[in-house]
Every structure is written in C-alpha cells, then in structure tokens.
Amino acid sequence: MSGILNYALNKVKSKLDESCDYGNVGTSERILSVIAGGFILGMGAKKLLSSPFTALSGITLGGALIVRGVTGSCPIKEAVEGKQPEATVVEHRYFVK
C-alpha cells in the first residue's frame, strides 16, 4: 500500500515542480490548493455514510482543488481576472485639401 502512496506523492511532486507555461496559478497557491483539497476530500470521504449530500459536495470541492493545484490552471480565476484577447487598433486619417 505504501508503494501506491509513494507513487502518487511522487507524481504530485513532479507535476508541482514542472514549470507551468499555460497556467495562471502561482506555486504557493498550487501547494495550498493540493493540501486544502486533500483535507476537504478526506473529510468528505469520512462523512460519506452519515451525511451523503455534505460529503459529496466536500469530495467534489476537494477534488477540484487538487486538480487546480496539480494542473496549475484555474478557469474561474481566469474569468475573474478578465483576460481580454488582444486587439489591434488601426487608425485611418484622411486629409482634405
């Protein structure tokens, strides 16, 4: 069992160490997302039988945070920041004699 856990931890470490060219989440945010997501996911799994609705929402949120931390990309943060595509402005001037 510890071999699987070590393999998973090494995978997460390698993903976090890679430079993320396309991502919009910093390294410290990524690490905190993985830690918080793991905690929330664990708490959701623990309460799965006692309160299933709360547990499923916790599992979903924890999984999303883990994915955000591992990939380094957050579509919600991108939408809030409002990155607009670049536009080229062409100006025409007409001179009349």
Protein backbone atom coordinates (compact mmCIF):
# COMPACT_ATOMS: atom_id res chain seq x y z
CA MET A 1 0.00 0.00 0.00
CA SER A 2 2.82 2.41 0.76
CA GLY A 3 4.20 1.86 -2.75
CA ILE A 4 1.00 3.23 -4.28
CA LEU A 5 1.02 6.20 -1.88
CA ASN A 6 4.66 6.97 -2.67
CA TYR A 7 3.94 6.73 -6.38
CA ALA A 8 1.02 9.15 -6.07
CA LEU A 9 3.06 11.60 -3.98
CA ASN A 10 5.94 11.47 -6.45
CA LYS A 11 3.52 12.17 -9.32
CA VAL A 12 2.09 15.19 -7.49
CA LYS A 13 5.59 16.47 -6.66
CA SER A 14 6.74 16.14 -10.25
CA LYS A 15 3.66 17.99 -11.52
CA LEU A 16 4.19 20.78 -8.97
CA ASP A 17 7.89 21.08 -9.82
CA GLU A 18 7.28 21.44 -13.54
CA SER A 19 7.09 24.95 -14.85
CA CYS A 20 3.55 25.69 -15.87
CA ASP A 21 3.58 27.85 -19.00
CA TYR A 22 -0.15 27.83 -19.63
CA GLY A 23 -1.31 28.11 -16.02
CA ASN A 24 -2.47 31.12 -14.09
CA VAL A 25 -1.90 29.83 -10.55
CA GLY A 26 1.33 30.51 -8.69
CA THR A 27 3.43 27.86 -6.96
CA SER A 28 2.37 28.74 -3.42
CA GLU A 29 -1.31 28.74 -4.46
CA ARG A 30 -0.82 25.35 -6.10
CA ILE A 31 0.70 23.83 -2.98
CA LEU A 32 -2.03 25.26 -0.74
CA SER A 33 -4.72 24.05 -3.15
CA VAL A 34 -3.41 20.48 -3.04
CA ILE A 35 -3.13 20.50 0.77
CA ALA A 36 -6.57 22.05 1.33
CA GLY A 37 -8.14 19.85 -1.36
CA GLY A 38 -6.73 16.72 0.23
CA PHE A 39 -8.06 17.76 3.64
CA ILE A 40 -11.54 18.58 2.32
CA LEU A 41 -11.62 15.38 0.23
CA GLY A 42 -10.64 13.31 3.27
CA MET A 43 -13.27 14.93 5.47
CA GLY A 44 -15.90 14.36 2.79
CA ALA A 45 -14.96 10.70 2.45
CA LYS A 46 -15.09 10.28 6.22
CA LYS A 47 -18.67 11.60 6.44
CA LEU A 48 -19.96 9.77 3.35
CA LEU A 49 -22.36 7.48 5.23
CA SER A 50 -23.55 9.91 7.92
CA SER A 51 -24.44 12.85 5.65
CA PRO A 52 -24.11 11.95 1.96
CA PHE A 53 -25.05 15.33 0.46
CA THR A 54 -22.47 17.24 2.51
CA ALA A 55 -19.91 14.52 1.85
CA LEU A 56 -20.42 14.59 -1.92
CA SER A 57 -20.07 18.35 -2.01
CA GLY A 58 -16.87 18.07 0.04
CA ILE A 59 -15.50 15.38 -2.22
CA THR A 60 -16.29 17.47 -5.29
CA LEU A 61 -14.71 20.63 -3.86
CA GLY A 62 -11.65 18.76 -2.62
CA GLY A 63 -11.16 17.07 -5.98
CA ALA A 64 -11.48 20.37 -7.82
CA LEU A 65 -8.87 21.97 -5.56
CA ILE A 66 -6.50 19.08 -6.09
CA VAL A 67 -6.92 19.30 -9.88
CA ARG A 68 -6.37 23.08 -9.70
CA GLY A 69 -3.17 22.58 -7.73
CA VAL A 70 -1.76 19.81 -9.87
CA THR A 71 -2.51 21.37 -13.26
CA GLY A 72 -1.80 24.98 -12.29
CA SER A 73 -4.73 26.23 -14.32
CA CYS A 74 -7.93 27.70 -12.89
CA PRO A 75 -10.73 28.69 -15.28
CA ILE A 76 -12.57 30.55 -12.50
CA LYS A 77 -9.55 32.72 -11.74
CA GLU A 78 -9.11 33.37 -15.46
CA ALA A 79 -12.74 34.50 -15.77
CA VAL A 80 -12.49 36.78 -12.73
CA GLU A 81 -9.27 38.39 -13.93
CA GLY A 82 -10.98 39.05 -17.23
CA LYS A 83 -8.19 38.41 -19.66
CA GLN A 84 -9.29 40.00 -22.88
CA PRO A 85 -7.89 38.88 -26.20
CA GLU A 86 -5.51 41.38 -27.71
CA ALA A 87 -6.96 43.64 -30.35
CA THR A 88 -5.09 45.72 -32.89
CA VAL A 89 -6.34 49.24 -33.34
CA VAL A 90 -5.91 50.63 -36.83
CA GLU A 91 -6.34 54.36 -37.21
CA HIS A 92 -7.11 55.96 -40.56
CA ARG A 93 -6.66 59.66 -41.12
CA TYR A 94 -7.97 61.41 -44.17
CA PHE A 95 -6.66 64.77 -45.22
CA VAL A 96 -8.84 67.11 -47.25
CA LYS A 97 -7.32 69.98 -49.25
